Amino acid sequence: MGSARDWEVEYREASEDRRHFTDLSWQLPSTIIVVNGILLTLAVQFLNCPIRGCVILFGAIFGAILLLNFMKFAYWSEKMRLVLRDIDSRKGFRRYYHTSKHPFYVEIRIRYFMFILLLSFILFLFYVGFTNL
């Protein structure tokens, strides 16, 4: 049987996890764009046609893997927010996400926008890699 203070440990761990997943979900899009931008620039400037398509496809596959990780981190960040909200409601706390839903909906919309933007960029890279432009 747990002690009366187990919720504090759970709350701290969920808070740390949420911060970690939120940080990762904001860092991955820039990583995807920078790495694929460098690969695309180097492939177009310095490589001949057969190798160019392979390098661009490698970048697209790498970007797709990072995009899946972005989705995973965004999902877990939201999941940890719900865990924190559940602990708050059980303990009768009123934290900032109980008073206003606006910032979280904006954050979720921005993540969806980033997902669509990155997905279109990666699909563009697949197209360029397969057609070997």
C-alpha atoms as a PDB file:
ATOM      1  CA  MET A   1       0.000   0.000   0.000  1.00  0.00           C
ATOM      2  CA  GLY A   2       1.371   3.429  -0.950  1.00  0.00           C
ATOM      3  CA  SER A   3       2.008   6.289   1.364  1.00  0.00           C
ATOM      4  CA  ALA A   4      -0.071   9.448   1.463  1.00  0.00           C
ATOM      5  CA  ARG A   5       2.661  11.364  -0.397  1.00  0.00           C
ATOM      6  CA  ASP A   6       2.932   9.054  -3.415  1.00  0.00           C
ATOM      7  CA  TRP A   7       0.916  11.524  -5.468  1.00  0.00           C
ATOM      8  CA  GLU A   8       3.676  14.111  -5.023  1.00  0.00           C
ATOM      9  CA  VAL A   9       6.273  11.770  -6.486  1.00  0.00           C
ATOM     10  CA  GLU A  10       3.916  10.865  -9.326  1.00  0.00           C
ATOM     11  CA  TYR A  11       3.179  14.534  -9.927  1.00  0.00           C
ATOM     12  CA  ARG A  12       6.879  15.486 -10.047  1.00  0.00           C
ATOM     13  CA  GLU A  13       7.728  12.616 -12.381  1.00  0.00           C
ATOM     14  CA  ALA A  14       4.822  13.443 -14.682  1.00  0.00           C
ATOM     15  CA  SER A  15       5.862  17.119 -14.681  1.00  0.00           C
ATOM     16  CA  GLU A  16       9.445  16.238 -15.573  1.00  0.00           C
ATOM     17  CA  ASP A  17       8.278  13.827 -18.279  1.00  0.00           C
ATOM     18  CA  ARG A  18       5.959  16.430 -19.757  1.00  0.00           C
ATOM     19  CA  ARG A  19       8.712  19.047 -19.873  1.00  0.00           C
ATOM     20  CA  HIS A  20      11.076  16.554 -21.452  1.00  0.00           C
ATOM     21  CA  PHE A  21       8.601  15.422 -24.132  1.00  0.00           C
ATOM     22  CA  THR A  22       7.541  19.005 -24.840  1.00  0.00           C
ATOM     23  CA  ASP A  23      11.173  20.061 -25.292  1.00  0.00           C
ATOM     24  CA  LEU A  24      11.817  17.168 -27.648  1.00  0.00           C
ATOM     25  CA  SER A  25       8.669  17.830 -29.653  1.00  0.00           C
ATOM     26  CA  TRP A  26       9.813  21.437 -30.227  1.00  0.00           C
ATOM     27  CA  GLN A  27      13.435  20.514 -31.040  1.00  0.00           C
ATOM     28  CA  LEU A  28      12.765  17.769 -33.583  1.00  0.00           C
ATOM     29  CA  PRO A  29      11.158  19.907 -36.331  1.00  0.00           C
ATOM     30  CA  SER A  30      14.179  22.185 -36.544  1.00  0.00           C
ATOM     31  CA  THR A  31      16.467  19.150 -36.602  1.00  0.00           C
ATOM     32  CA  ILE A  32      14.490  17.615 -39.459  1.00  0.00           C
ATOM     33  CA  ILE A  33      14.572  20.799 -41.516  1.00  0.00           C
ATOM     34  CA  VAL A  34      18.258  21.557 -40.890  1.00  0.00           C
ATOM     35  CA  VAL A  35      19.537  18.033 -41.575  1.00  0.00           C
ATOM     36  CA  ASN A  36      17.401  17.551 -44.684  1.00  0.00           C
ATOM     37  CA  GLY A  37      18.184  21.061 -45.906  1.00  0.00           C
ATOM     38  CA  ILE A  38      21.912  20.389 -45.640  1.00  0.00           C
ATOM     39  CA  LEU A  39      21.562  17.012 -47.372  1.00  0.00           C
ATOM     40  CA  LEU A  40      19.429  18.491 -50.144  1.00  0.00           C
ATOM     41  CA  THR A  41      21.826  21.397 -50.696  1.00  0.00           C
ATOM     42  CA  LEU A  42      24.894  19.162 -50.778  1.00  0.00           C
ATOM     43  CA  ALA A  43      23.207  16.642 -53.066  1.00  0.00           C
ATOM     44  CA  VAL A  44      22.090  19.256 -55.583  1.00  0.00           C
ATOM     45  CA  GLN A  45      25.359  21.204 -55.560  1.00  0.00           C
ATOM     46  CA  PHE A  46      28.010  18.512 -55.494  1.00  0.00           C
ATOM     47  CA  LEU A  47      26.700  15.107 -56.524  1.00  0.00           C
ATOM     48  CA  ASN A  48      25.967  13.588 -59.906  1.00  0.00           C
ATOM     49  CA  CYS A  49      22.486  12.315 -60.758  1.00  0.00           C
ATOM     50  CA  PRO A  50      22.436   8.639 -59.631  1.00  0.00           C
ATOM     51  CA  ILE A  51      23.986   9.325 -56.242  1.00  0.00           C
ATOM     52  CA  ARG A  52      21.917  12.487 -55.749  1.00  0.00           C
ATOM     53  CA  GLY A  53      18.640  10.561 -55.666  1.00  0.00           C
ATOM     54  CA  CYS A  54      19.998   8.066 -53.137  1.00  0.00           C
ATOM     55  CA  VAL A  55      21.235  10.813 -50.796  1.00  0.00           C
ATOM     56  CA  ILE A  56      17.922  12.670 -51.002  1.00  0.00           C
ATOM     57  CA  LEU A  57      15.989   9.436 -50.368  1.00  0.00           C
ATOM     58  CA  PHE A  58      18.207   8.747 -47.357  1.00  0.00           C
ATOM     59  CA  GLY A  59      17.368  12.210 -46.034  1.00  0.00           C
ATOM     60  CA  ALA A  60      13.665  11.617 -46.645  1.00  0.00           C
ATOM     61  CA  ILE A  61      13.744   8.296 -44.786  1.00  0.00           C
ATOM     62  CA  PHE A  62      15.692   9.894 -41.942  1.00  0.00           C
ATOM     63  CA  GLY A  63      13.161  12.737 -41.833  1.00  0.00           C
ATOM     64  CA  ALA A  64      10.236  10.282 -41.815  1.00  0.00           C
ATOM     65  CA  ILE A  65      11.743   8.454 -38.831  1.00  0.00           C
ATOM     66  CA  LEU A  66      12.218  11.737 -36.971  1.00  0.00           C
ATOM     67  CA  LEU A  67       8.664  12.756 -37.892  1.00  0.00           C
ATOM     68  CA  LEU A  68       7.357   9.573 -36.268  1.00  0.00           C
ATOM     69  CA  ASN A  69       9.379  10.446 -33.174  1.00  0.00           C
ATOM     70  CA  PHE A  70       7.901  13.955 -33.242  1.00  0.00           C
ATOM     71  CA  MET A  71       4.414  12.442 -33.220  1.00  0.00           C
ATOM     72  CA  LYS A  72       5.382  10.123 -30.359  1.00  0.00           C
ATOM     73  CA  PHE A  73       6.822  12.947 -28.245  1.00  0.00           C
ATOM     74  CA  ALA A  74       3.793  15.173 -28.883  1.00  0.00           C
ATOM     75  CA  TYR A  75       1.485  12.309 -27.904  1.00  0.00           C
ATOM     76  CA  TRP A  76       3.331  11.604 -24.655  1.00  0.00           C
ATOM     77  CA  SER A  77       3.517  15.291 -23.786  1.00  0.00           C
ATOM     78  CA  GLU A  78      -0.254  15.523 -24.089  1.00  0.00           C
ATOM     79  CA  LYS A  79      -0.663  12.260 -22.167  1.00  0.00           C
ATOM     80  CA  MET A  80       1.444  13.607 -19.282  1.00  0.00           C
ATOM     81  CA  ARG A  81      -0.634  16.804 -19.285  1.00  0.00           C
ATOM     82  CA  LEU A  82      -3.742  14.677 -18.808  1.00  0.00           C
ATOM     83  CA  VAL A  83      -2.046  12.755 -15.971  1.00  0.00           C
ATOM     84  CA  LEU A  84      -1.199  16.066 -14.277  1.00  0.00           C
ATOM     85  CA  ARG A  85      -4.763  17.279 -14.771  1.00  0.00           C
ATOM     86  CA  ASP A  86      -6.089  14.043 -13.243  1.00  0.00           C
ATOM     87  CA  ILE A  87      -3.843  14.351 -10.180  1.00  0.00           C
ATOM     88  CA  ASP A  88      -4.889  17.984  -9.783  1.00  0.00           C
ATOM     89  CA  SER A  89      -8.576  17.127  -9.965  1.00  0.00           C
ATOM     90  CA  ARG A  90      -8.173  14.302  -7.422  1.00  0.00           C
ATOM     91  CA  LYS A  91      -6.383  16.604  -4.995  1.00  0.00           C
ATOM     92  CA  GLY A  92      -8.639  19.594  -5.594  1.00  0.00           C
ATOM     93  CA  PHE A  93      -5.924  21.828  -7.047  1.00  0.00           C
ATOM     94  CA  ARG A  94      -6.639  24.468  -9.640  1.00  0.00           C
ATOM     95  CA  ARG A  95      -3.583  24.784 -11.847  1.00  0.00           C
ATOM     96  CA  TYR A  96      -3.253  27.006 -14.883  1.00  0.00           C
ATOM     97  CA  TYR A  97      -4.655  24.448 -17.313  1.00  0.00           C
ATOM     98  CA  HIS A  98      -7.919  24.231 -15.363  1.00  0.00           C
ATOM     99  CA  THR A  99      -8.625  27.936 -15.680  1.00  0.00           C
ATOM    100  CA  SER A 100      -7.939  28.384 -19.390  1.00  0.00           C
ATOM    101  CA  LYS A 101      -7.951  25.865 -22.214  1.00  0.00           C
ATOM    102  CA  HIS A 102      -6.704  28.337 -24.803  1.00  0.00           C
ATOM    103  CA  PRO A 103      -2.888  27.895 -24.534  1.00  0.00           C
ATOM    104  CA  PHE A 104      -3.073  24.116 -24.891  1.00  0.00           C
ATOM    105  CA  TYR A 105      -5.356  24.224 -27.882  1.00  0.00           C
ATOM    106  CA  VAL A 106      -2.988  26.709 -29.517  1.00  0.00           C
ATOM    107  CA  GLU A 107      -0.050  24.415 -28.727  1.00  0.00           C
ATOM    108  CA  ILE A 108      -1.862  21.427 -30.217  1.00  0.00           C
ATOM    109  CA  ARG A 109      -2.783  23.413 -33.350  1.00  0.00           C
ATOM    110  CA  ILE A 110       0.828  24.516 -33.777  1.00  0.00           C
ATOM    111  CA  ARG A 111       1.968  20.896 -33.468  1.00  0.00           C
ATOM    112  CA  TYR A 112      -0.549  19.810 -36.120  1.00  0.00           C
ATOM    113  CA  PHE A 113       0.634  22.616 -38.378  1.00  0.00           C
ATOM    114  CA  MET A 114       4.266  21.581 -37.857  1.00  0.00           C
ATOM    115  CA  PHE A 115       3.340  17.966 -38.567  1.00  0.00           C
ATOM    116  CA  ILE A 116       1.638  18.890 -41.849  1.00  0.00           C
ATOM    117  CA  LEU A 117       4.523  21.171 -42.832  1.00  0.00           C
ATOM    118  CA  LEU A 118       7.149  18.520 -42.087  1.00  0.00           C
ATOM    119  CA  LEU A 119       5.127  15.797 -43.783  1.00  0.00           C
ATOM    120  CA  SER A 120       4.833  17.871 -46.953  1.00  0.00           C
ATOM    121  CA  PHE A 121       8.586  18.587 -46.848  1.00  0.00           C
ATOM    122  CA  ILE A 122       9.401  14.890 -46.454  1.00  0.00           C
ATOM    123  CA  LEU A 123       6.982  13.917 -49.243  1.00  0.00           C
ATOM    124  CA  PHE A 124       8.676  16.527 -51.440  1.00  0.00           C
ATOM    125  CA  LEU A 125      12.033  14.925 -50.647  1.00  0.00           C
ATOM    126  CA  PHE A 126      10.681  11.485 -51.568  1.00  0.00           C
ATOM    127  CA  TYR A 127       9.400  12.899 -54.855  1.00  0.00           C
ATOM    128  CA  VAL A 128      12.739  14.554 -55.635  1.00  0.00           C
ATOM    129  CA  GLY A 129      14.650  11.429 -54.619  1.00  0.00           C
ATOM    130  CA  PHE A 130      12.559   9.074 -56.735  1.00  0.00           C
ATOM    131  CA  THR A 131      12.470  11.309 -59.802  1.00  0.00           C
ATOM    132  CA  ASN A 132      16.155  12.179 -59.316  1.00  0.00           C
ATOM    133  CA  LEU A 133      15.750  15.837 -60.268  1.00  0.00           C
END
